[in-house]
Amino acid sequence: MSAIRVKLVRGLAGCPAPHRVVVQGLGLKKRDSTKILPDTPQTLGMIAKVSYLVEWKRVDAPSPAGRKARKAAKAKA
């Protein structure tokens, strides 16, 4: 499965509050911050909503583990 690398290329000053919430949901905090996210329809929808603020591309990196997977791995150890 592929992943998506998202980069915040514009600042959040002057953008609507719901768009700031979406950027925060993507895990981006400051301009030029990047994050590798799973390639899912939900992620692509969030990116489409704030497409004027971010750049993205698909990468051949392993998809990051979700919260449930990390929690299960921690309980196993």
PDB file of N, CA and C in Angstrom:
ATOM      1  N   MET A   1       0.841  -1.176   0.000  1.00  0.00           N
ATOM      2  CA  MET A   1       0.000   0.000   0.000  1.00  0.00           C
ATOM      3  C   MET A   1       0.884   1.237   0.000  1.00  0.00           C
ATOM      4  N   SER A   2       0.478   2.228  -0.735  1.00  0.00           N
ATOM      5  CA  SER A   2       1.283   3.443  -0.808  1.00  0.00           C
ATOM      6  C   SER A   2       0.847   4.441   0.257  1.00  0.00           C
ATOM      7  N   ALA A   3       1.613   5.474   0.359  1.00  0.00           N
ATOM      8  CA  ALA A   3       1.334   6.531   1.328  1.00  0.00           C
ATOM      9  C   ALA A   3       1.354   7.857   0.594  1.00  0.00           C
ATOM     10  N   ILE A   4       0.951   8.901   1.283  1.00  0.00           N
ATOM     11  CA  ILE A   4       0.910  10.243   0.715  1.00  0.00           C
ATOM     12  C   ILE A   4       1.757  11.160   1.586  1.00  0.00           C
ATOM     13  N   ARG A   5       2.637  11.928   0.946  1.00  0.00           N
ATOM     14  CA  ARG A   5       3.422  12.928   1.666  1.00  0.00           C
ATOM     15  C   ARG A   5       2.745  14.283   1.453  1.00  0.00           C
ATOM     16  N   VAL A   6       2.346  14.915   2.550  1.00  0.00           N
ATOM     17  CA  VAL A   6       1.636  16.197   2.507  1.00  0.00           C
ATOM     18  C   VAL A   6       2.540  17.260   3.113  1.00  0.00           C
ATOM     19  N   LYS A   7       2.596  18.420   2.446  1.00  0.00           N
ATOM     20  CA  LYS A   7       3.417  19.524   2.932  1.00  0.00           C
ATOM     21  C   LYS A   7       2.572  20.794   2.965  1.00  0.00           C
ATOM     22  N   LEU A   8       2.603  21.501   4.079  1.00  0.00           N
ATOM     23  CA  LEU A   8       1.899  22.771   4.217  1.00  0.00           C
ATOM     24  C   LEU A   8       2.758  23.863   3.592  1.00  0.00           C
ATOM     25  N   VAL A   9       2.279  24.470   2.499  1.00  0.00           N
ATOM     26  CA  VAL A   9       3.087  25.444   1.766  1.00  0.00           C
ATOM     27  C   VAL A   9       2.640  26.880   1.994  1.00  0.00           C
ATOM     28  N   ARG A  10       1.473  27.087   2.576  1.00  0.00           N
ATOM     29  CA  ARG A  10       1.008  28.433   2.887  1.00  0.00           C
ATOM     30  C   ARG A  10       0.646  28.498   4.362  1.00  0.00           C
ATOM     31  N   GLY A  11       0.771  29.670   4.921  1.00  0.00           N
ATOM     32  CA  GLY A  11       0.410  29.860   6.318  1.00  0.00           C
ATOM     33  C   GLY A  11      -1.092  29.850   6.510  1.00  0.00           C
ATOM     34  N   LEU A  12      -1.520  29.731   7.750  1.00  0.00           N
ATOM     35  CA  LEU A  12      -2.941  29.622   8.059  1.00  0.00           C
ATOM     36  C   LEU A  12      -3.592  30.961   8.367  1.00  0.00           C
ATOM     37  N   ALA A  13      -2.834  32.046   8.329  1.00  0.00           N
ATOM     38  CA  ALA A  13      -3.400  33.361   8.617  1.00  0.00           C
ATOM     39  C   ALA A  13      -4.406  33.732   7.539  1.00  0.00           C
ATOM     40  N   GLY A  14      -5.595  34.094   7.951  1.00  0.00           N
ATOM     41  CA  GLY A  14      -6.617  34.541   7.022  1.00  0.00           C
ATOM     42  C   GLY A  14      -7.467  33.447   6.408  1.00  0.00           C
ATOM     43  N   CYS A  15      -7.202  32.198   6.709  1.00  0.00           N
ATOM     44  CA  CYS A  15      -8.032  31.129   6.149  1.00  0.00           C
ATOM     45  C   CYS A  15      -9.183  30.824   7.119  1.00  0.00           C
ATOM     46  N   PRO A  16     -10.283  30.258   6.622  1.00  0.00           N
ATOM     47  CA  PRO A  16     -11.438  29.979   7.478  1.00  0.00           C
ATOM     48  C   PRO A  16     -11.107  28.983   8.585  1.00  0.00           C
ATOM     49  N   ALA A  17     -11.802  29.099   9.691  1.00  0.00           N
ATOM     50  CA  ALA A  17     -11.561  28.229  10.847  1.00  0.00           C
ATOM     51  C   ALA A  17     -11.749  26.741  10.518  1.00  0.00           C
ATOM     52  N   PRO A  18     -12.775  26.346   9.734  1.00  0.00           N
ATOM     53  CA  PRO A  18     -12.884  24.921   9.413  1.00  0.00           C
ATOM     54  C   PRO A  18     -11.680  24.378   8.647  1.00  0.00           C
ATOM     55  N   HIS A  19     -11.041  25.216   7.833  1.00  0.00           N
ATOM     56  CA  HIS A  19      -9.861  24.770   7.095  1.00  0.00           C
ATOM     57  C   HIS A  19      -8.670  24.606   8.029  1.00  0.00           C
ATOM     58  N   ARG A  20      -8.586  25.448   9.055  1.00  0.00           N
ATOM     59  CA  ARG A  20      -7.524  25.276  10.054  1.00  0.00           C
ATOM     60  C   ARG A  20      -7.684  23.952  10.792  1.00  0.00           C
ATOM     61  N   VAL A  21      -8.923  23.575  11.061  1.00  0.00           N
ATOM     62  CA  VAL A  21      -9.197  22.310  11.745  1.00  0.00           C
ATOM     63  C   VAL A  21      -8.774  21.139  10.863  1.00  0.00           C
ATOM     64  N   VAL A  22      -9.033  21.235   9.562  1.00  0.00           N
ATOM     65  CA  VAL A  22      -8.643  20.163   8.636  1.00  0.00           C
ATOM     66  C   VAL A  22      -7.128  20.038   8.586  1.00  0.00           C
ATOM     67  N   VAL A  23      -6.427  21.162   8.513  1.00  0.00           N
ATOM     68  CA  VAL A  23      -4.953  21.135   8.486  1.00  0.00           C
ATOM     69  C   VAL A  23      -4.428  20.509   9.772  1.00  0.00           C
ATOM     70  N   GLN A  24      -5.044  20.847  10.893  1.00  0.00           N
ATOM     71  CA  GLN A  24      -4.639  20.251  12.173  1.00  0.00           C
ATOM     72  C   GLN A  24      -4.917  18.743  12.161  1.00  0.00           C
ATOM     73  N   GLY A  25      -6.022  18.333  11.555  1.00  0.00           N
ATOM     74  CA  GLY A  25      -6.345  16.914  11.450  1.00  0.00           C
ATOM     75  C   GLY A  25      -5.362  16.148  10.587  1.00  0.00           C
ATOM     76  N   LEU A  26      -4.770  16.830   9.623  1.00  0.00           N
ATOM     77  CA  LEU A  26      -3.740  16.199   8.799  1.00  0.00           C
ATOM     78  C   LEU A  26      -2.416  16.074   9.543  1.00  0.00           C
ATOM     79  N   GLY A  27      -2.304  16.746  10.682  1.00  0.00           N
ATOM     80  CA  GLY A  27      -1.088  16.661  11.482  1.00  0.00           C
ATOM     81  C   GLY A  27      -0.055  17.708  11.144  1.00  0.00           C
ATOM     82  N   LEU A  28      -0.463  18.746  10.408  1.00  0.00           N
ATOM     83  CA  LEU A  28       0.461  19.805  10.017  1.00  0.00           C
ATOM     84  C   LEU A  28       0.306  20.980  10.972  1.00  0.00           C
ATOM     85  N   LYS A  29       1.437  21.568  11.373  1.00  0.00           N
ATOM     86  CA  LYS A  29       1.383  22.628  12.361  1.00  0.00           C
ATOM     87  C   LYS A  29       1.885  23.951  11.803  1.00  0.00           C
ATOM     88  N   LYS A  30       3.069  23.963  11.252  1.00  0.00           N
ATOM     89  CA  LYS A  30       3.666  25.193  10.749  1.00  0.00           C
ATOM     90  C   LYS A  30       3.909  25.075   9.253  1.00  0.00           C
ATOM     91  N   ARG A  31       4.149  26.224   8.616  1.00  0.00           N
ATOM     92  CA  ARG A  31       4.462  26.211   7.194  1.00  0.00           C
ATOM     93  C   ARG A  31       5.717  25.377   6.950  1.00  0.00           C
ATOM     94  N   ASP A  32       5.742  24.672   5.853  1.00  0.00           N
ATOM     95  CA  ASP A  32       6.830  23.779   5.436  1.00  0.00           C
ATOM     96  C   ASP A  32       6.918  22.507   6.270  1.00  0.00           C
ATOM     97  N   SER A  33       5.942  22.229   7.126  1.00  0.00           N
ATOM     98  CA  SER A  33       5.942  20.956   7.840  1.00  0.00           C
ATOM     99  C   SER A  33       5.380  19.871   6.915  1.00  0.00           C
ATOM    100  N   THR A  34       5.897  18.657   7.039  1.00  0.00           N
ATOM    101  CA  THR A  34       5.459  17.550   6.196  1.00  0.00           C
ATOM    102  C   THR A  34       4.999  16.401   7.070  1.00  0.00           C
ATOM    103  N   LYS A  35       4.179  15.562   6.480  1.00  0.00           N
ATOM    104  CA  LYS A  35       3.650  14.403   7.193  1.00  0.00           C
ATOM    105  C   LYS A  35       3.398  13.303   6.165  1.00  0.00           C
ATOM    106  N   ILE A  36       3.671  12.069   6.517  1.00  0.00           N
ATOM    107  CA  ILE A  36       3.342  10.928   5.670  1.00  0.00           C
ATOM    108  C   ILE A  36       2.073  10.307   6.224  1.00  0.00           C
ATOM    109  N   LEU A  37       1.055  10.205   5.362  1.00  0.00           N
ATOM    110  CA  LEU A  37      -0.268   9.738   5.769  1.00  0.00           C
ATOM    111  C   LEU A  37      -0.683   8.556   4.904  1.00  0.00           C
ATOM    112  N   PRO A  38      -1.605   7.718   5.389  1.00  0.00           N
ATOM    113  CA  PRO A  38      -2.081   6.606   4.574  1.00  0.00           C
ATOM    114  C   PRO A  38      -2.895   7.100   3.380  1.00  0.00           C
ATOM    115  N   ASP A  39      -2.834   6.359   2.292  1.00  0.00           N
ATOM    116  CA  ASP A  39      -3.562   6.713   1.068  1.00  0.00           C
ATOM    117  C   ASP A  39      -4.986   6.175   1.172  1.00  0.00           C
ATOM    118  N   THR A  40      -5.869   6.967   1.773  1.00  0.00           N
ATOM    119  CA  THR A  40      -7.265   6.576   1.944  1.00  0.00           C
ATOM    120  C   THR A  40      -8.166   7.658   1.362  1.00  0.00           C
ATOM    121  N   PRO A  41      -9.417   7.326   1.063  1.00  0.00           N
ATOM    122  CA  PRO A  41     -10.353   8.346   0.563  1.00  0.00           C
ATOM    123  C   PRO A  41     -10.561   9.488   1.557  1.00  0.00           C
ATOM    124  N   GLN A  42     -10.507   9.183   2.845  1.00  0.00           N
ATOM    125  CA  GLN A  42     -10.688  10.224   3.857  1.00  0.00           C
ATOM    126  C   GLN A  42      -9.545  11.238   3.804  1.00  0.00           C
ATOM    127  N   THR A  43      -8.328  10.748   3.672  1.00  0.00           N
ATOM    128  CA  THR A  43      -7.176  11.637   3.592  1.00  0.00           C
ATOM    129  C   THR A  43      -7.240  12.490   2.330  1.00  0.00           C
ATOM    130  N   LEU A  44      -7.609  11.880   1.210  1.00  0.00           N
ATOM    131  CA  LEU A  44      -7.697  12.629  -0.039  1.00  0.00           C
ATOM    132  C   LEU A  44      -8.800  13.679   0.016  1.00  0.00           C
ATOM    133  N   GLY A  45      -9.883  13.402   0.714  1.00  0.00           N
ATOM    134  CA  GLY A  45     -10.948  14.386   0.877  1.00  0.00           C
ATOM    135  C   GLY A  45     -10.503  15.575   1.698  1.00  0.00           C
ATOM    136  N   MET A  46      -9.735  15.309   2.754  1.00  0.00           N
ATOM    137  CA  MET A  46      -9.203  16.397   3.571  1.00  0.00           C
ATOM    138  C   MET A  46      -8.232  17.250   2.757  1.00  0.00           C
ATOM    139  N   ILE A  47      -7.399  16.602   1.964  1.00  0.00           N
ATOM    140  CA  ILE A  47      -6.450  17.329   1.125  1.00  0.00           C
ATOM    141  C   ILE A  47      -7.189  18.169   0.088  1.00  0.00           C
ATOM    142  N   ALA A  48      -8.252  17.638  -0.479  1.00  0.00           N
ATOM    143  CA  ALA A  48      -9.026  18.388  -1.477  1.00  0.00           C
ATOM    144  C   ALA A  48      -9.648  19.639  -0.875  1.00  0.00           C
ATOM    145  N   LYS A  49     -10.058  19.563   0.374  1.00  0.00           N
ATOM    146  CA  LYS A  49     -10.688  20.716   1.020  1.00  0.00           C
ATOM    147  C   LYS A  49      -9.708  21.861   1.215  1.00  0.00           C
ATOM    148  N   VAL A  50      -8.462  21.553   1.501  1.00  0.00           N
ATOM    149  CA  VAL A  50      -7.455  22.592   1.744  1.00  0.00           C
ATOM    150  C   VAL A  50      -6.361  22.553   0.676  1.00  0.00           C
ATOM    151  N   SER A  51      -6.737  22.247  -0.555  1.00  0.00           N
ATOM    152  CA  SER A  51      -5.748  22.079  -1.624  1.00  0.00           C
ATOM    153  C   SER A  51      -4.961  23.354  -1.908  1.00  0.00           C
ATOM    154  N   TYR A  52      -5.517  24.508  -1.583  1.00  0.00           N
ATOM    155  CA  TYR A  52      -4.813  25.763  -1.817  1.00  0.00           C
ATOM    156  C   TYR A  52      -3.740  26.029  -0.754  1.00  0.00           C
ATOM    157  N   LEU A  53      -3.702  25.214   0.301  1.00  0.00           N
ATOM    158  CA  LEU A  53      -2.725  25.384   1.370  1.00  0.00           C
ATOM    159  C   LEU A  53      -1.616  24.331   1.344  1.00  0.00           C
ATOM    160  N   VAL A  54      -1.853  23.200   0.677  1.00  0.00           N
ATOM    161  CA  VAL A  54      -0.922  22.077   0.766  1.00  0.00           C
ATOM    162  C   VAL A  54      -0.479  21.607  -0.613  1.00  0.00           C
ATOM    163  N   GLU A  55       0.649  20.913  -0.620  1.00  0.00           N
ATOM    164  CA  GLU A  55       1.119  20.139  -1.765  1.00  0.00           C
ATOM    165  C   GLU A  55       1.193  18.692  -1.315  1.00  0.00           C
ATOM    166  N   TRP A  56       0.933  17.761  -2.231  1.00  0.00           N
ATOM    167  CA  TRP A  56       0.987  16.354  -1.857  1.00  0.00           C
ATOM    168  C   TRP A  56       1.440  15.528  -3.039  1.00  0.00           C
ATOM    169  N   LYS A  57       1.994  14.360  -2.719  1.00  0.00           N
ATOM    170  CA  LYS A  57       2.335  13.388  -3.755  1.00  0.00           C
ATOM    171  C   LYS A  57       2.370  12.002  -3.131  1.00  0.00           C
ATOM    172  N   ARG A  58       2.143  11.009  -3.957  1.00  0.00           N
ATOM    173  CA  ARG A  58       2.184   9.621  -3.490  1.00  0.00           C
ATOM    174  C   ARG A  58       3.634   9.166  -3.431  1.00  0.00           C
ATOM    175  N   VAL A  59       3.971   8.426  -2.398  1.00  0.00           N
ATOM    176  CA  VAL A  59       5.320   7.912  -2.215  1.00  0.00           C
ATOM    177  C   VAL A  59       5.243   6.411  -1.971  1.00  0.00           C
ATOM    178  N   ASP A  60       6.345   5.738  -2.216  1.00  0.00           N
ATOM    179  CA  ASP A  60       6.401   4.293  -2.008  1.00  0.00           C
ATOM    180  C   ASP A  60       6.924   3.961  -0.623  1.00  0.00           C
ATOM    181  N   ALA A  61       6.476   4.680   0.349  1.00  0.00           N
ATOM    182  CA  ALA A  61       6.833   4.400   1.741  1.00  0.00           C
ATOM    183  C   ALA A  61       5.731   3.541   2.351  1.00  0.00           C
ATOM    184  N   PRO A  62       6.059   2.782   3.369  1.00  0.00           N
ATOM    185  CA  PRO A  62       4.994   2.020   4.022  1.00  0.00           C
ATOM    186  C   PRO A  62       4.012   2.963   4.686  1.00  0.00           C
ATOM    187  N   SER A  63       2.765   2.586   4.631  1.00  0.00           N
ATOM    188  CA  SER A  63       1.729   3.409   5.246  1.00  0.00           C
ATOM    189  C   SER A  63       1.935   3.430   6.754  1.00  0.00           C
ATOM    190  N   PRO A  64       1.818   4.585   7.389  1.00  0.00           N
ATOM    191  CA  PRO A  64       2.020   4.639   8.839  1.00  0.00           C
ATOM    192  C   PRO A  64       0.959   3.843   9.583  1.00  0.00           C
ATOM    193  N   ALA A  65       1.358   3.274  10.682  1.00  0.00           N
ATOM    194  CA  ALA A  65       0.434   2.478  11.484  1.00  0.00           C
ATOM    195  C   ALA A  65      -0.586   3.386  12.151  1.00  0.00           C
ATOM    196  N   GLY A  66      -1.814   2.949  12.181  1.00  0.00           N
ATOM    197  CA  GLY A  66      -2.863   3.714  12.829  1.00  0.00           C
ATOM    198  C   GLY A  66      -2.790   3.596  14.338  1.00  0.00           C
ATOM    199  N   ARG A  67      -3.659   4.315  14.997  1.00  0.00           N
ATOM    200  CA  ARG A  67      -3.641   4.345  16.454  1.00  0.00           C
ATOM    201  C   ARG A  67      -3.971   2.974  17.037  1.00  0.00           C
ATOM    202  N   LYS A  68      -4.924   2.265  16.430  1.00  0.00           N
ATOM    203  CA  LYS A  68      -5.284   0.942  16.944  1.00  0.00           C
ATOM    204  C   LYS A  68      -4.129  -0.042  16.802  1.00  0.00           C
ATOM    205  N   ALA A  69      -3.412   0.034  15.676  1.00  0.00           N
ATOM    206  CA  ALA A  69      -2.281  -0.865  15.457  1.00  0.00           C
ATOM    207  C   ALA A  69      -1.147  -0.583  16.444  1.00  0.00           C
ATOM    208  N   ARG A  70      -0.893   0.695  16.699  1.00  0.00           N
ATOM    209  CA  ARG A  70       0.153   1.034  17.683  1.00  0.00           C
ATOM    210  C   ARG A  70      -0.240   0.570  19.081  1.00  0.00           C
ATOM    211  N   LYS A  71      -1.515   0.714  19.416  1.00  0.00           N
ATOM    212  CA  LYS A  71      -1.989   0.312  20.730  1.00  0.00           C
ATOM    213  C   LYS A  71      -1.888  -1.217  20.891  1.00  0.00           C
ATOM    214  N   ALA A  72      -2.237  -1.963  19.835  1.00  0.00           N
ATOM    215  CA  ALA A  72      -2.147  -3.415  19.901  1.00  0.00           C
ATOM    216  C   ALA A  72      -0.706  -3.866  20.020  1.00  0.00           C
ATOM    217  N   ALA A  73       0.209  -3.211  19.303  1.00  0.00           N
ATOM    218  CA  ALA A  73       1.621  -3.569  19.378  1.00  0.00           C
ATOM    219  C   ALA A  73       2.178  -3.268  20.771  1.00  0.00           C
ATOM    220  N   LYS A  74       1.731  -2.180  21.361  1.00  0.00           N
ATOM    221  CA  LYS A  74       2.197  -1.826  22.688  1.00  0.00           C
ATOM    222  C   LYS A  74       1.695  -2.823  23.732  1.00  0.00           C
ATOM    223  N   ALA A  75       0.454  -3.270  23.584  1.00  0.00           N
ATOM    224  CA  ALA A  75      -0.126  -4.234  24.524  1.00  0.00           C
ATOM    225  C   ALA A  75       0.567  -5.594  24.390  1.00  0.00           C
ATOM    226  N   LYS A  76       1.013  -5.903  23.171  1.00  0.00           N
ATOM    227  CA  LYS A  76       1.692  -7.171  22.912  1.00  0.00           C
ATOM    228  C   LYS A  76       3.057  -7.215  23.585  1.00  0.00           C
ATOM    229  N   ALA A  77       3.738  -6.104  23.605  1.00  0.00           N
ATOM    230  CA  ALA A  77       5.111  -6.059  24.146  1.00  0.00           C
ATOM    231  C   ALA A  77       5.154  -6.033  25.644  1.00  0.00           C
TER     232      ALA A  77
END
